[in-house]
Amino acid sequence: MAKKTRKIPKFKSDMETAAFWDSHDSIKYLSATKPAHLNFPKPRHKIVIDLEEKQWKILQHLAHQKKMSFNHLAEKLVEEKLEVGY
């Protein structure tokens, strides 16, 4: 006996969707679904570095001139240096 394919109805709101799935078994609708394709961002790593007062002030000043955060500027400087090295 072939299983009957059930179509998932169109919903007008999240509340309507929630009410439907609260009262229906999702297993009966699996054949009407498509796989989800998810992209996860690559993990990032945080580090702590010690800067001399002069280095800190230069970094802050350059970041202010470029209208960006000092964290973003430091990240860009490291990125550029690593690209040159490799």
C-alpha atoms as a PDB file:
ATOM      1  CA  MET A   1       0.000   0.000   0.000  1.00  0.00           C
ATOM      2  CA  ALA A   2       1.507   3.352  -1.079  1.00  0.00           C
ATOM      3  CA  LYS A   3       1.698   6.112   1.499  1.00  0.00           C
ATOM      4  CA  LYS A   4      -0.404   9.172   0.784  1.00  0.00           C
ATOM      5  CA  THR A   5       1.662  12.344   0.255  1.00  0.00           C
ATOM      6  CA  ARG A   6       0.238  15.203   2.248  1.00  0.00           C
ATOM      7  CA  LYS A   7       0.824  18.777   1.155  1.00  0.00           C
ATOM      8  CA  ILE A   8       1.884  21.336   3.707  1.00  0.00           C
ATOM      9  CA  PRO A   9      -0.653  24.173   3.637  1.00  0.00           C
ATOM     10  CA  LYS A  10       0.298  27.830   3.149  1.00  0.00           C
ATOM     11  CA  PHE A  11       0.092  29.772   6.391  1.00  0.00           C
ATOM     12  CA  LYS A  12      -0.875  33.419   6.879  1.00  0.00           C
ATOM     13  CA  SER A  13       0.990  33.897  10.144  1.00  0.00           C
ATOM     14  CA  ASP A  14       3.428  32.309  12.557  1.00  0.00           C
ATOM     15  CA  MET A  15       0.554  31.765  14.984  1.00  0.00           C
ATOM     16  CA  GLU A  16      -1.388  29.819  12.337  1.00  0.00           C
ATOM     17  CA  THR A  17       1.734  27.783  11.540  1.00  0.00           C
ATOM     18  CA  ALA A  18       2.330  26.978  15.203  1.00  0.00           C
ATOM     19  CA  ALA A  19      -1.303  25.972  15.739  1.00  0.00           C
ATOM     20  CA  PHE A  20      -1.159  23.634  12.721  1.00  0.00           C
ATOM     21  CA  TRP A  21       2.042  21.882  13.796  1.00  0.00           C
ATOM     22  CA  ASP A  22       0.799  21.634  17.387  1.00  0.00           C
ATOM     23  CA  SER A  23      -2.123  19.566  16.132  1.00  0.00           C
ATOM     24  CA  HIS A  24      -0.520  17.578  13.266  1.00  0.00           C
ATOM     25  CA  ASP A  25       2.190  14.921  13.095  1.00  0.00           C
ATOM     26  CA  SER A  26       5.106  16.245  11.025  1.00  0.00           C
ATOM     27  CA  ILE A  27       6.157  12.688  10.094  1.00  0.00           C
ATOM     28  CA  LYS A  28       3.136  12.467   7.792  1.00  0.00           C
ATOM     29  CA  TYR A  29       4.435  15.486   5.836  1.00  0.00           C
ATOM     30  CA  LEU A  30       8.087  14.470   5.397  1.00  0.00           C
ATOM     31  CA  SER A  31       7.666  13.584   1.719  1.00  0.00           C
ATOM     32  CA  ALA A  32       6.484  17.165   1.055  1.00  0.00           C
ATOM     33  CA  THR A  33       9.646  18.702   2.485  1.00  0.00           C
ATOM     34  CA  LYS A  34      12.986  19.599   0.929  1.00  0.00           C
ATOM     35  CA  PRO A  35      16.387  19.388   2.569  1.00  0.00           C
ATOM     36  CA  ALA A  36      17.611  22.620   4.099  1.00  0.00           C
ATOM     37  CA  HIS A  37      20.972  23.924   2.925  1.00  0.00           C
ATOM     38  CA  LEU A  38      22.635  25.759   5.785  1.00  0.00           C
ATOM     39  CA  ASN A  39      25.873  27.696   5.726  1.00  0.00           C
ATOM     40  CA  PHE A  40      27.634  28.259   9.002  1.00  0.00           C
ATOM     41  CA  PRO A  41      30.249  30.987   9.368  1.00  0.00           C
ATOM     42  CA  LYS A  42      33.802  29.846   9.856  1.00  0.00           C
ATOM     43  CA  PRO A  43      34.807  29.968  13.509  1.00  0.00           C
ATOM     44  CA  ARG A  44      36.712  33.030  14.628  1.00  0.00           C
ATOM     45  CA  HIS A  45      39.274  33.160  17.398  1.00  0.00           C
ATOM     46  CA  LYS A  46      39.875  35.980  19.822  1.00  0.00           C
ATOM     47  CA  ILE A  47      43.318  36.816  21.130  1.00  0.00           C
ATOM     48  CA  VAL A  48      44.706  39.224  23.691  1.00  0.00           C
ATOM     49  CA  ILE A  49      47.855  41.195  22.887  1.00  0.00           C
ATOM     50  CA  ASP A  50      49.839  43.562  25.057  1.00  0.00           C
ATOM     51  CA  LEU A  51      50.662  46.903  23.462  1.00  0.00           C
ATOM     52  CA  GLU A  52      52.917  49.638  24.707  1.00  0.00           C
ATOM     53  CA  GLU A  53      51.080  52.890  25.436  1.00  0.00           C
ATOM     54  CA  LYS A  54      52.566  54.498  22.316  1.00  0.00           C
ATOM     55  CA  GLN A  55      51.435  51.587  20.087  1.00  0.00           C
ATOM     56  CA  TRP A  56      47.937  51.751  21.608  1.00  0.00           C
ATOM     57  CA  LYS A  57      47.639  55.487  20.957  1.00  0.00           C
ATOM     58  CA  ILE A  58      48.870  55.093  17.361  1.00  0.00           C
ATOM     59  CA  LEU A  59      46.359  52.296  16.755  1.00  0.00           C
ATOM     60  CA  GLN A  60      43.520  54.405  18.210  1.00  0.00           C
ATOM     61  CA  HIS A  61      44.576  57.442  16.174  1.00  0.00           C
ATOM     62  CA  LEU A  62      44.787  55.477  12.893  1.00  0.00           C
ATOM     63  CA  ALA A  63      41.439  53.817  13.567  1.00  0.00           C
ATOM     64  CA  HIS A  64      39.849  57.203  14.225  1.00  0.00           C
ATOM     65  CA  GLN A  65      41.318  58.586  10.972  1.00  0.00           C
ATOM     66  CA  LYS A  66      39.967  55.596   9.019  1.00  0.00           C
ATOM     67  CA  LYS A  67      36.606  55.820  10.837  1.00  0.00           C
ATOM     68  CA  MET A  68      36.722  52.235  12.072  1.00  0.00           C
ATOM     69  CA  SER A  69      37.062  50.516  15.418  1.00  0.00           C
ATOM     70  CA  PHE A  70      40.563  49.813  16.662  1.00  0.00           C
ATOM     71  CA  ASN A  71      39.647  46.091  16.790  1.00  0.00           C
ATOM     72  CA  HIS A  72      38.741  46.122  13.109  1.00  0.00           C
ATOM     73  CA  LEU A  73      41.903  48.024  12.204  1.00  0.00           C
ATOM     74  CA  ALA A  74      44.076  45.618  14.221  1.00  0.00           C
ATOM     75  CA  GLU A  75      42.386  42.686  12.477  1.00  0.00           C
ATOM     76  CA  LYS A  76      43.049  44.247   9.066  1.00  0.00           C
ATOM     77  CA  LEU A  77      46.707  44.948   9.914  1.00  0.00           C
ATOM     78  CA  VAL A  78      47.259  41.337  10.995  1.00  0.00           C
ATOM     79  CA  GLU A  79      45.424  40.076   7.905  1.00  0.00           C
ATOM     80  CA  GLU A  80      47.598  42.218   5.579  1.00  0.00           C
ATOM     81  CA  LYS A  81      50.812  41.141   7.292  1.00  0.00           C
ATOM     82  CA  LEU A  82      49.907  37.471   7.073  1.00  0.00           C
ATOM     83  CA  GLU A  83      49.004  37.751   3.378  1.00  0.00           C
ATOM     84  CA  VAL A  84      52.409  39.319   2.621  1.00  0.00           C
ATOM     85  CA  GLY A  85      54.189  36.572   4.564  1.00  0.00           C
ATOM     86  CA  TYR A  86      52.486  33.758   2.694  1.00  0.00           C
END
